[in-house]
Amino acid sequence: MTVPLTVTEAYHRYRQERPRIEAMAELTAAYMRRRAARLHLNCRISPRAKEVSSFIKKAHHKPYTDPWKEITDKAGIRIVVPYSSLLDRALDMVTSNFTVVRVEDDRKKPGAEDRLEYPRLHVQIRPRGEEMDPDGVPYECEVQIRTEAADVWARMSHSLMYKPGVTTDIPSDVRRSLYRLIALVELYDSEVERGVKALDEHPDFSRNNRLLAEAERIYQTFSLHPYDRELSQDVVDVLLDSIGDEPGYADRLVEFAEEQRPRLERLYEEYGPASEQFLEHGRYLLVSQPESLIIFERLANARYDLQETWEGSLEDRWLDDMARIWRVRR
C-alpha cells in the first residue's frame, strides 16, 4: 500500500509528471479524432493537462486525504458536438474504445431540472498507452462531453458554478438569469439540430457539405490549423464531378487516410500550414485545406477523372503542386 502524499508532495510530483500527462492526453485525443472520423461523428476534441496552479489550488481548497490519488482530472479531454442528439454517439465512441473507470451522466438524474447547472456527462477512462504513475497506478483521464451551446455556457459560468458553497450566495436576479440561459442552451441545441437536418435534406445543399464535412473530420486528425472554408467549397464543387455518384465514398476516404496515414503525416508536416514551404514561400496552398485529402485520394485512384474535371475550373498550378508532392504525373 502506498503512503498518501501531502499537498506539497503531490504538487512537486505533479510538476514533474505534467509533461508526461500532457503527452498522454494529446495522444488519446488524436486517437479519438481518428475514431470520430471513422464513425462520421461531427465533433471537436481538445486535450489538456491541468495547469500546475489549478492543481495546487484544488489540492489546498478541498479536503483530500491523498490529493495525488483523489484529483482524477489531471488529464482531461473535451468532446464538443454541435447538438444534443449527438451526445450519445460521442459517449458510445468513448466507452467502446477505452477502458472505462466510471460514467457520470446527469441528463436523466431526478431533480436535474432544478439545479443551477447543465447536466454533466463525464467519462473517466484509462488513456491511450495506459501510462503508470510513479506508484505503478494507471493514470486516468476525464472526458467531458458537451454540446457547443453547453460548452459556451459552462465556460462562462465556471467561476460561479464550480466553487464550493457559491450557489447559496448568488443573488436571486443572477440565479434567474443563469436559469434562463440554461433554457436558451436547450433551445439553441434543438434549433441547431433542426436546421442541420433540414439543410442535410435539401437537394442543392447536402452533397457538397456532406463531403466537405467528411474531409474536415479526417483532416483534423492531421492538422488543427484554420483554413479558408470558402475556398474549400469552391474546390469541393469541382471534386464532386470527379467522384460522380460513387456510393460509399465517405468510407473510402476514411480508409484511404488510414492506409496512407504515415505518408500523409509526412506530407502535411513538410508542406502543410505550419511548414516552411507554406509560411515562407506561399507554396502548396491546398495542402493547408481539408479538401487536400480528397485530392490526394483522387490522384492515387482516379487522377485522369480529376484532371478532366479540374481543367478550366480551377488554377492548374494548384493541381500541379498537389501531383508533384504526391509524386504522380498529371
Protein backbone atom coordinates (compact mmCIF):
# COMPACT_ATOMS: atom_id res chain seq x y z
CA MET A 1 0.00 0.00 0.00
CA THR A 2 1.36 3.42 -0.97
CA VAL A 3 1.67 6.19 1.62
CA PRO A 4 -0.65 9.18 0.95
CA LEU A 5 1.14 12.27 -0.32
CA THR A 6 0.84 15.63 1.36
CA VAL A 7 -0.32 18.62 -0.66
CA THR A 8 3.27 19.79 -1.10
CA GLU A 9 4.48 16.34 -2.14
CA ALA A 10 1.59 15.98 -4.60
CA TYR A 11 2.38 19.42 -6.02
CA HIS A 12 6.04 18.57 -6.67
CA ARG A 13 5.13 15.23 -8.19
CA TYR A 14 2.59 16.85 -10.49
CA ARG A 15 5.10 19.44 -11.69
CA GLN A 16 7.46 16.61 -12.60
CA GLU A 17 4.82 14.39 -14.20
CA ARG A 18 2.83 17.04 -16.08
CA PRO A 19 4.78 16.77 -19.40
CA ARG A 20 4.04 13.02 -19.50
CA ILE A 21 0.40 13.63 -18.62
CA GLU A 22 0.06 16.28 -21.34
CA ALA A 23 1.62 14.00 -23.98
CA MET A 24 -0.71 11.18 -22.89
CA ALA A 25 -3.78 13.43 -23.23
CA GLU A 26 -2.71 14.58 -26.70
CA LEU A 27 -2.09 11.01 -27.84
CA THR A 28 -5.51 9.96 -26.55
CA ALA A 29 -7.26 12.90 -28.23
CA ALA A 30 -5.52 12.14 -31.53
CA TYR A 31 -6.80 8.57 -31.39
CA MET A 32 -10.31 9.82 -30.58
CA ARG A 33 -10.24 12.11 -33.63
CA ARG A 34 -9.40 9.14 -35.84
CA ARG A 35 -12.24 7.11 -34.34
CA ALA A 36 -14.66 10.03 -34.74
CA ALA A 37 -13.67 10.38 -38.39
CA ARG A 38 -14.25 6.68 -39.00
CA LEU A 39 -17.69 6.95 -37.36
CA HIS A 40 -18.52 10.14 -39.32
CA LEU A 41 -19.13 11.87 -36.00
CA ASN A 42 -19.05 15.66 -36.18
CA CYS A 43 -17.24 16.89 -33.07
CA ARG A 44 -14.37 18.98 -31.76
CA ILE A 45 -11.87 17.19 -29.50
CA SER A 46 -9.36 19.10 -27.37
CA PRO A 47 -6.95 17.70 -24.76
CA ARG A 48 -5.33 19.39 -21.79
CA ALA A 49 -3.21 18.67 -18.76
CA LYS A 50 -4.34 20.53 -15.66
CA GLU A 51 -2.35 23.68 -15.06
CA VAL A 52 0.05 23.39 -12.13
CA SER A 53 -1.56 26.43 -10.48
CA SER A 54 -5.03 24.83 -10.81
CA PHE A 55 -3.74 21.58 -9.33
CA ILE A 56 -2.29 23.23 -6.24
CA LYS A 57 -5.38 25.40 -5.70
CA LYS A 58 -7.64 22.37 -5.90
CA ALA A 59 -5.38 20.39 -3.57
CA HIS A 60 -5.46 23.19 -0.99
CA HIS A 61 -9.15 24.09 -1.21
CA LYS A 62 -10.71 20.63 -0.98
CA PRO A 63 -10.42 18.22 1.98
CA TYR A 64 -8.43 15.49 0.24
CA THR A 65 -6.84 12.70 2.23
CA ASP A 66 -4.48 11.95 -0.65
CA PRO A 67 -4.62 14.76 -3.27
CA TRP A 68 -2.40 12.89 -5.73
CA LYS A 69 -4.85 10.00 -5.98
CA GLU A 70 -8.09 11.91 -5.46
CA ILE A 71 -7.53 14.62 -8.09
CA THR A 72 -8.55 12.49 -11.05
CA ASP A 73 -8.77 15.18 -13.74
CA LYS A 74 -5.01 15.68 -14.11
CA ALA A 75 -5.51 14.75 -17.75
CA GLY A 76 -8.66 15.91 -19.49
CA ILE A 77 -10.29 15.78 -22.91
CA ARG A 78 -13.32 17.77 -24.01
CA ILE A 79 -15.56 16.49 -26.80
CA VAL A 80 -17.91 19.15 -28.16
CA VAL A 81 -20.71 18.15 -30.54
CA PRO A 82 -22.98 20.55 -32.46
CA TYR A 83 -26.26 19.48 -30.84
CA SER A 84 -27.62 17.24 -28.12
CA SER A 85 -28.70 14.16 -30.11
CA LEU A 86 -25.01 13.53 -30.90
CA LEU A 87 -24.10 13.24 -27.21
CA ASP A 88 -24.96 9.54 -27.08
CA ARG A 89 -22.91 8.81 -30.20
CA ALA A 90 -19.92 10.57 -28.66
CA LEU A 91 -20.44 8.69 -25.39
CA ASP A 92 -20.59 5.39 -27.26
CA MET A 93 -17.38 6.22 -29.15
CA VAL A 94 -15.56 6.73 -25.86
CA THR A 95 -16.96 3.73 -23.99
CA SER A 96 -16.42 1.41 -26.98
CA ASN A 97 -12.75 2.28 -27.47
CA PHE A 98 -11.33 2.77 -23.98
CA THR A 99 -11.25 1.08 -20.61
CA VAL A 100 -13.96 2.88 -18.65
CA VAL A 101 -13.49 3.58 -14.94
CA ARG A 102 -16.88 5.23 -14.46
CA VAL A 103 -19.56 7.24 -16.27
CA GLU A 104 -21.24 10.28 -14.73
CA ASP A 105 -24.39 11.06 -16.71
CA ASP A 106 -26.74 13.55 -15.04
CA ARG A 107 -29.03 14.05 -18.02
CA LYS A 108 -31.81 11.89 -16.61
CA LYS A 109 -30.95 12.24 -12.95
CA PRO A 110 -34.05 13.03 -10.82
CA GLY A 111 -34.20 16.71 -9.90
CA ALA A 112 -31.60 17.77 -12.50
CA GLU A 113 -34.05 20.34 -13.86
CA ASP A 114 -33.94 22.20 -10.53
CA ARG A 115 -30.17 22.54 -10.37
CA LEU A 116 -28.29 25.67 -11.42
CA GLU A 117 -26.07 23.75 -13.81
CA TYR A 118 -26.15 22.00 -17.15
CA PRO A 119 -26.43 18.18 -16.89
CA ARG A 120 -22.97 16.69 -16.61
CA LEU A 121 -21.76 13.97 -18.97
CA HIS A 122 -18.29 12.82 -17.93
CA VAL A 123 -16.44 9.58 -18.58
CA GLN A 124 -13.38 8.56 -16.58
CA ILE A 125 -11.15 6.38 -18.77
CA ARG A 126 -7.73 4.80 -18.97
CA PRO A 127 -5.98 6.83 -21.67
CA ARG A 128 -4.18 5.62 -24.76
CA GLY A 129 -0.97 3.82 -23.79
CA GLU A 130 -2.22 3.26 -20.22
CA GLU A 131 0.75 5.04 -18.63
CA MET A 132 1.52 4.38 -14.96
CA ASP A 133 2.22 6.99 -12.29
CA PRO A 134 5.35 6.72 -10.06
CA ASP A 135 3.42 4.38 -7.71
CA GLY A 136 2.65 1.98 -10.56
CA VAL A 137 -1.03 3.02 -10.67
CA PRO A 138 -2.55 3.55 -14.15
CA TYR A 139 -3.24 7.17 -14.98
CA GLU A 140 -6.80 8.22 -15.72
CA CYS A 141 -8.29 10.82 -18.00
CA GLU A 142 -11.54 12.75 -17.51
CA VAL A 143 -13.56 13.10 -20.72
CA GLN A 144 -16.20 15.83 -20.77
CA ILE A 145 -18.86 15.58 -23.48
CA ARG A 146 -20.90 18.70 -24.25
CA THR A 147 -22.83 20.47 -26.97
CA GLU A 148 -21.47 23.69 -28.47
CA ALA A 149 -24.02 25.78 -26.57
CA ALA A 150 -23.43 23.97 -23.27
CA ASP A 151 -19.68 24.47 -23.69
CA VAL A 152 -20.13 28.23 -24.04
CA TRP A 153 -22.44 28.31 -21.01
CA ALA A 154 -20.10 26.16 -18.89
CA ARG A 155 -17.05 28.28 -19.65
CA MET A 156 -18.95 31.49 -18.96
CA SER A 157 -20.37 30.29 -15.65
CA HIS A 158 -17.42 28.25 -14.40
CA SER A 159 -16.26 30.81 -11.87
CA LEU A 160 -19.74 30.83 -10.30
CA MET A 161 -20.80 27.23 -10.64
CA TYR A 162 -17.81 25.25 -9.51
CA LYS A 163 -16.81 26.84 -6.22
CA PRO A 164 -17.96 25.07 -3.05
CA GLY A 165 -20.98 26.76 -1.47
CA VAL A 166 -21.18 29.54 -4.03
CA THR A 167 -24.71 28.67 -5.26
CA THR A 168 -26.17 29.73 -1.92
CA ASP A 169 -24.58 33.17 -2.26
CA ILE A 170 -25.67 34.04 -5.80
CA PRO A 171 -28.19 36.91 -5.80
CA SER A 172 -31.68 35.88 -6.86
CA ASP A 173 -31.66 38.01 -10.01
CA VAL A 174 -28.36 36.43 -11.11
CA ARG A 175 -29.70 32.94 -10.38
CA ARG A 176 -32.74 33.71 -12.50
CA SER A 177 -30.55 34.92 -15.37
CA LEU A 178 -28.48 31.75 -15.25
CA TYR A 179 -31.60 29.57 -15.22
CA ARG A 180 -32.87 31.45 -18.28
CA LEU A 181 -29.55 30.86 -20.02
CA ILE A 182 -29.84 27.12 -19.40
CA ALA A 183 -33.24 27.19 -21.11
CA LEU A 184 -31.69 29.09 -24.03
CA VAL A 185 -28.96 26.46 -24.29
CA GLU A 186 -31.60 23.75 -24.71
CA LEU A 187 -33.50 25.85 -27.24
CA TYR A 188 -30.30 26.61 -29.17
CA ASP A 189 -29.39 22.91 -29.29
CA SER A 190 -32.80 21.89 -30.63
CA GLU A 191 -32.87 24.67 -33.26
CA VAL A 192 -29.35 23.85 -34.48
CA GLU A 193 -30.33 20.19 -34.85
CA ARG A 194 -33.50 21.12 -36.72
CA GLY A 195 -31.54 23.40 -39.06
CA VAL A 196 -28.82 20.84 -39.74
CA LYS A 197 -31.35 18.14 -40.60
CA ALA A 198 -33.28 20.49 -42.88
CA LEU A 199 -30.13 21.51 -44.74
CA ASP A 200 -28.99 17.90 -44.99
CA GLU A 201 -32.23 17.04 -46.78
CA HIS A 202 -32.01 19.99 -49.17
CA PRO A 203 -31.13 18.67 -52.67
CA ASP A 204 -28.97 21.68 -53.64
CA PHE A 205 -27.03 21.84 -50.40
CA SER A 206 -26.42 18.47 -48.87
CA ARG A 207 -23.96 16.66 -51.15
CA ASN A 208 -21.25 19.35 -51.22
CA ASN A 209 -21.47 19.97 -47.48
CA ARG A 210 -21.55 16.30 -46.52
CA LEU A 211 -18.37 15.65 -48.49
CA LEU A 212 -16.65 18.72 -47.05
CA ALA A 213 -17.72 17.72 -43.52
CA GLU A 214 -16.16 14.27 -44.03
CA ALA A 215 -12.94 15.81 -45.29
CA GLU A 216 -12.86 18.25 -42.35
CA ARG A 217 -13.26 15.46 -39.80
CA ILE A 218 -10.41 13.45 -41.27
CA TYR A 219 -8.19 16.50 -41.84
CA GLN A 220 -8.42 17.34 -38.15
CA THR A 221 -6.64 14.08 -37.38
CA PHE A 222 -3.63 15.54 -39.23
CA SER A 223 -3.87 19.29 -38.56
CA LEU A 224 -5.90 21.63 -36.36
CA HIS A 225 -4.90 24.80 -38.20
CA PRO A 226 -7.68 27.06 -39.51
CA TYR A 227 -8.41 27.11 -43.23
CA ASP A 228 -10.39 29.02 -45.85
CA ARG A 229 -13.85 27.46 -45.90
CA GLU A 230 -14.98 29.46 -48.93
CA LEU A 231 -12.04 28.10 -50.92
CA SER A 232 -12.90 24.60 -49.69
CA GLN A 233 -16.45 24.89 -51.03
CA ASP A 234 -15.22 26.07 -54.43
CA VAL A 235 -12.77 23.18 -54.73
CA VAL A 236 -15.20 20.55 -53.45
CA ASP A 237 -17.74 21.61 -56.10
CA VAL A 238 -15.20 20.54 -58.72
CA LEU A 239 -14.06 17.41 -56.88
CA LEU A 240 -17.65 16.14 -56.73
CA ASP A 241 -17.70 15.92 -60.52
CA SER A 242 -14.69 13.59 -60.46
CA ILE A 243 -16.34 11.39 -57.81
CA GLY A 244 -19.74 11.25 -59.52
CA ASP A 245 -22.38 9.11 -57.84
CA GLU A 246 -19.86 6.69 -56.38
CA PRO A 247 -21.57 5.02 -53.38
CA GLY A 248 -19.79 4.84 -50.03
CA TYR A 249 -17.17 7.43 -50.94
CA ALA A 250 -17.05 8.79 -47.39
CA ASP A 251 -16.00 5.35 -46.10
CA ARG A 252 -13.43 5.06 -48.87
CA LEU A 253 -11.93 8.42 -47.89
CA VAL A 254 -11.58 7.30 -44.26
CA GLU A 255 -9.95 4.04 -45.35
CA PHE A 256 -7.58 5.90 -47.68
CA ALA A 257 -6.50 8.21 -44.86
CA GLU A 258 -5.81 5.28 -42.52
CA GLU A 259 -3.96 3.25 -45.17
CA GLN A 260 -1.81 6.24 -46.15
CA ARG A 261 -1.51 7.83 -42.68
CA PRO A 262 2.33 7.72 -42.35
CA ARG A 263 2.75 9.20 -45.83
CA LEU A 264 0.07 11.84 -45.26
CA GLU A 265 1.51 12.82 -41.88
CA ARG A 266 4.88 13.39 -43.55
CA LEU A 267 3.37 15.46 -46.37
CA TYR A 268 1.35 17.65 -44.01
CA GLU A 269 4.45 18.22 -41.92
CA GLU A 270 6.61 19.12 -44.93
CA TYR A 271 4.07 21.10 -46.97
CA GLY A 272 1.14 21.88 -44.65
CA PRO A 273 0.07 25.14 -42.97
CA ALA A 274 2.90 25.10 -40.40
CA SER A 275 5.62 24.21 -42.88
CA GLU A 276 8.42 26.41 -44.22
CA GLN A 277 7.16 25.83 -47.76
CA PHE A 278 3.80 27.39 -46.87
CA LEU A 279 4.81 30.09 -44.37
CA GLU A 280 7.89 31.42 -46.18
CA HIS A 281 7.24 30.63 -49.83
CA GLY A 282 3.44 30.54 -50.06
CA ARG A 283 3.54 27.29 -51.99
CA TYR A 284 1.21 24.31 -51.88
CA LEU A 285 -1.87 26.29 -50.84
CA LEU A 286 -4.28 23.35 -50.99
CA VAL A 287 -2.23 21.21 -48.59
CA SER A 288 -3.44 23.59 -45.87
CA GLN A 289 -7.08 22.81 -46.75
CA PRO A 290 -9.19 19.76 -45.74
CA GLU A 291 -10.14 19.01 -49.37
CA SER A 292 -6.47 18.12 -49.90
CA LEU A 293 -7.36 14.63 -48.66
CA ILE A 294 -9.88 14.20 -51.47
CA ILE A 295 -7.34 15.47 -54.00
CA PHE A 296 -4.70 13.02 -52.77
CA GLU A 297 -7.21 10.16 -52.93
CA ARG A 298 -8.22 11.14 -56.48
CA LEU A 299 -4.58 11.43 -57.55
CA ALA A 300 -3.99 7.93 -56.17
CA ASN A 301 -7.08 6.27 -57.63
CA ALA A 302 -8.66 8.42 -60.37
CA ARG A 303 -6.21 11.08 -61.46
CA TYR A 304 -7.43 11.26 -65.09
CA ASP A 305 -11.01 11.87 -63.96
CA LEU A 306 -9.70 14.51 -61.58
CA GLN A 307 -7.66 16.23 -64.28
CA GLU A 308 -10.60 16.26 -66.67
CA THR A 309 -12.94 17.96 -64.21
CA TRP A 310 -10.24 20.31 -62.87
CA GLU A 311 -9.14 21.90 -66.16
CA GLY A 312 -10.93 25.13 -66.86
CA SER A 313 -12.49 25.24 -63.39
CA LEU A 314 -9.58 25.82 -61.00
CA GLU A 315 -5.99 27.02 -61.32
CA ASP A 316 -3.78 24.40 -62.99
CA ARG A 317 -0.78 25.20 -60.76
CA TRP A 318 -2.73 24.13 -57.68
CA LEU A 319 -3.21 20.64 -59.08
CA ASP A 320 0.35 20.61 -60.43
CA ASP A 321 1.66 21.26 -56.92
CA MET A 322 -0.50 18.53 -55.39
CA ALA A 323 0.53 16.00 -58.05
CA ARG A 324 4.19 16.89 -57.57
CA ILE A 325 4.22 16.20 -53.84
CA TRP A 326 2.10 13.05 -54.29
CA ARG A 327 4.71 12.01 -56.88
CA VAL A 328 2.42 11.32 -59.81
CA ARG A 329 2.29 12.82 -63.29
CA ARG A 330 -0.69 14.79 -64.40
